[in-house]
Protein backbone atom coordinates (compact mmCIF):
# COMPACT_ATOMS: atom_id res chain seq x y z
CA UNK A 1 -2.87 20.69 -27.48
CA UNK A 2 -2.91 16.90 -27.17
CA UNK A 3 -5.89 14.84 -28.20
CA UNK A 4 -7.18 12.73 -25.31
CA UNK A 5 -9.47 9.80 -25.88
CA UNK A 6 -12.67 10.11 -23.86
CA UNK A 7 -13.70 7.01 -21.96
CA UNK A 8 -17.09 7.67 -20.33
CA UNK A 9 -17.05 4.59 -18.07
CA UNK A 10 -13.56 5.09 -16.58
CA UNK A 11 -14.77 7.67 -14.05
CA UNK A 12 -17.83 5.56 -13.27
CA UNK A 13 -15.70 2.50 -12.41
CA UNK A 14 -13.36 4.58 -10.26
CA UNK A 15 -16.32 6.03 -8.37
CA UNK A 16 -17.80 2.56 -7.88
CA UNK A 17 -14.48 1.28 -6.46
CA UNK A 18 -14.37 4.19 -4.02
CA UNK A 19 -17.93 3.51 -2.82
CA UNK A 20 -17.18 -0.20 -2.41
CA UNK A 21 -14.13 0.55 -0.28
CA UNK A 22 -16.06 3.09 1.77
CA UNK A 23 -18.89 0.67 2.54
CA UNK A 24 -16.60 -2.31 3.16
CA UNK A 25 -14.38 -0.36 5.58
CA UNK A 26 -17.34 1.16 7.43
CA UNK A 27 -19.33 -2.05 7.72
CA UNK A 28 -16.34 -4.10 8.85
CA UNK A 29 -15.89 -1.73 11.79
CA UNK A 30 -19.49 -2.25 12.95
CA UNK A 31 -19.88 -5.96 12.18
CA UNK A 32 -16.39 -7.25 12.93
CA UNK A 33 -15.70 -10.72 14.27
CA UNK A 34 -15.57 -11.65 17.96
CA UNK A 35 -17.09 -8.31 18.98
CA UNK A 36 -13.77 -6.50 19.41
CA UNK A 37 -13.69 -2.81 18.73
CA UNK A 38 -11.19 -2.62 15.89
CA UNK A 39 -11.14 -6.18 14.68
CA UNK A 40 -10.28 -5.58 11.04
CA UNK A 41 -7.36 -7.69 9.91
CA UNK A 42 -4.07 -5.91 10.04
CA UNK A 43 -0.41 -6.47 9.41
CA UNK A 44 2.55 -4.56 10.81
CA UNK A 45 4.58 -2.40 8.45
CA UNK A 46 7.86 -4.04 7.44
CA UNK A 47 11.06 -2.86 5.77
CA UNK A 48 13.44 -5.46 4.33
CA UNK A 49 16.80 -4.43 2.94
CA UNK A 50 20.13 -5.95 2.08
CA UNK A 51 23.67 -4.87 2.95
CA UNK A 52 26.96 -6.40 1.85
CA UNK A 53 26.88 -8.83 4.77
CA UNK A 54 23.26 -9.13 5.95
CA UNK A 55 19.59 -9.20 5.03
CA UNK A 56 17.70 -7.06 7.57
CA UNK A 57 13.99 -6.92 8.37
CA UNK A 58 12.49 -4.17 10.54
CA UNK A 59 8.89 -4.56 11.67
CA UNK A 60 6.85 -1.93 13.50
CA UNK A 61 5.27 -3.62 16.52
CA UNK A 62 4.39 -0.83 18.99
CA UNK A 63 2.40 -1.91 21.99
CA UNK A 64 3.11 -5.59 21.40
CA UNK A 65 4.89 -7.68 23.99
CA UNK A 66 7.85 -9.44 22.32
CA UNK A 67 6.67 -12.62 24.05
CA UNK A 68 3.58 -12.48 21.79
CA UNK A 69 5.70 -12.47 18.60
CA UNK A 70 7.07 -15.53 16.81
CA UNK A 71 9.76 -15.31 14.14
CA UNK A 72 10.86 -18.43 12.27
CA UNK A 73 12.56 -19.41 9.03
CA UNK A 74 11.37 -22.53 7.28
CA UNK A 75 12.21 -23.72 3.75
CA UNK A 76 13.56 -20.34 2.68
CA UNK A 77 10.55 -18.42 4.01
CA UNK A 78 10.55 -15.98 6.92
CA UNK A 79 7.39 -16.08 9.04
CA UNK A 80 6.40 -13.25 11.38
CA UNK A 81 3.41 -14.03 13.58
CA UNK A 82 1.95 -12.35 16.64
CA UNK A 83 -0.90 -10.60 18.34
CA UNK A 84 -1.72 -7.15 19.66
CA UNK A 85 -4.09 -7.63 22.57
CA UNK A 86 -6.88 -5.19 23.35
CA UNK A 87 -6.65 -3.84 26.89
CA UNK A 88 -9.93 -4.45 28.70
CA UNK A 89 -9.11 -2.06 31.54
CA UNK A 90 -11.50 0.54 30.09
CA UNK A 91 -15.10 -0.27 29.24
CA UNK A 92 -15.99 -0.27 25.55
CA UNK A 93 -18.74 2.31 26.18
CA UNK A 94 -16.13 4.82 27.39
CA UNK A 95 -14.19 4.89 24.12
CA UNK A 96 -14.80 7.81 21.78
CA UNK A 97 -12.60 6.51 18.98
CA UNK A 98 -10.58 3.36 18.29
CA UNK A 99 -8.23 3.59 15.33
CA UNK A 100 -5.47 1.15 16.25
CA UNK A 101 -5.87 -2.40 15.03
CA UNK A 102 -5.91 -5.37 17.39
CA UNK A 103 -5.78 -9.10 17.00
CA UNK A 104 -3.53 -11.63 15.35
CA UNK A 105 -1.30 -11.04 12.36
CA UNK A 106 0.80 -13.23 10.11
CA UNK A 107 3.34 -12.15 7.51
CA UNK A 108 5.60 -14.28 5.34
CA UNK A 109 8.51 -13.36 3.09
CA UNK A 110 10.62 -15.39 0.70
CA UNK A 111 14.29 -15.12 1.57
CA UNK A 112 17.18 -15.27 -0.88
CA UNK A 113 19.21 -18.50 -0.85
CA UNK A 114 22.21 -16.52 0.36
CA UNK A 115 20.81 -16.11 3.91
CA UNK A 116 22.28 -18.17 6.77
CA UNK A 117 19.13 -18.49 8.93
CA UNK A 118 20.97 -20.40 11.69
CA UNK A 119 22.92 -17.25 12.59
CA UNK A 120 19.96 -14.83 12.60
CA UNK A 121 19.62 -12.38 15.51
CA UNK A 122 16.49 -10.54 16.65
CA UNK A 123 16.31 -7.35 18.72
CA UNK A 124 13.22 -5.48 19.97
CA UNK A 125 13.71 -1.80 20.79
CA UNK A 126 11.26 1.13 20.93
CA UNK A 127 8.48 -0.89 19.32
CA UNK A 128 10.60 -2.00 16.35
CA UNK A 129 11.68 -5.60 15.85
CA UNK A 130 14.98 -5.83 13.95
CA UNK A 131 15.92 -9.22 12.53
CA UNK A 132 19.44 -9.45 11.13
CA UNK A 133 20.20 -12.49 8.99
CA UNK A 134 23.82 -12.80 7.85
CA UNK A 135 24.62 -13.93 4.34
CA UNK A 136 26.47 -17.17 3.76
CA UNK A 137 30.18 -16.70 3.29
CA UNK A 138 30.10 -17.69 -0.39
CA UNK A 139 27.40 -15.08 -1.09
CA UNK A 140 29.34 -12.12 0.30
CA UNK A 141 31.01 -9.89 -2.28
CA UNK A 142 34.72 -10.38 -2.64
CA UNK A 143 37.18 -7.81 -3.89
CA UNK A 144 39.97 -9.08 -6.12
CA UNK A 145 43.16 -7.10 -6.08
CA UNK A 146 44.68 -6.37 -9.47
CA UNK A 147 48.41 -6.92 -9.66
CA UNK A 148 50.29 -4.52 -11.89
CA UNK A 149 53.17 -6.14 -13.75
CA UNK A 150 56.14 -4.14 -14.93
CA UNK A 151 57.20 -4.87 -18.52
């Protein structure tokens, strides 16, 4: 049996953090800015990965018009900016639950120096924005053939 050091305040601090998050999340829903229903700040989920030839970013943007999204590269940083607008077709009193987030978002990511931002391509399909940024030619891996000499 292993001896475990007892720390009486560890559980107390964890409990306090949980209560703080509970109250902050609950109160922000009731006293959000601009009176929108779900006005808590939000950011779309993003995957960024690298292949032999490209750096690819995929961002989940369901329900967002691609016209409301801006993607730009500046000084080695990729900026993703946009807005999910709340549909006012239904009165606020008629909603039973609002869990989706609305409003503006901004994300930024540092890109490796190997990316050729001038040749980047963006595609929006099924609520997913895919940005493909090719690597510069000198950054792509090169295979060197080994010549076998006969002695």
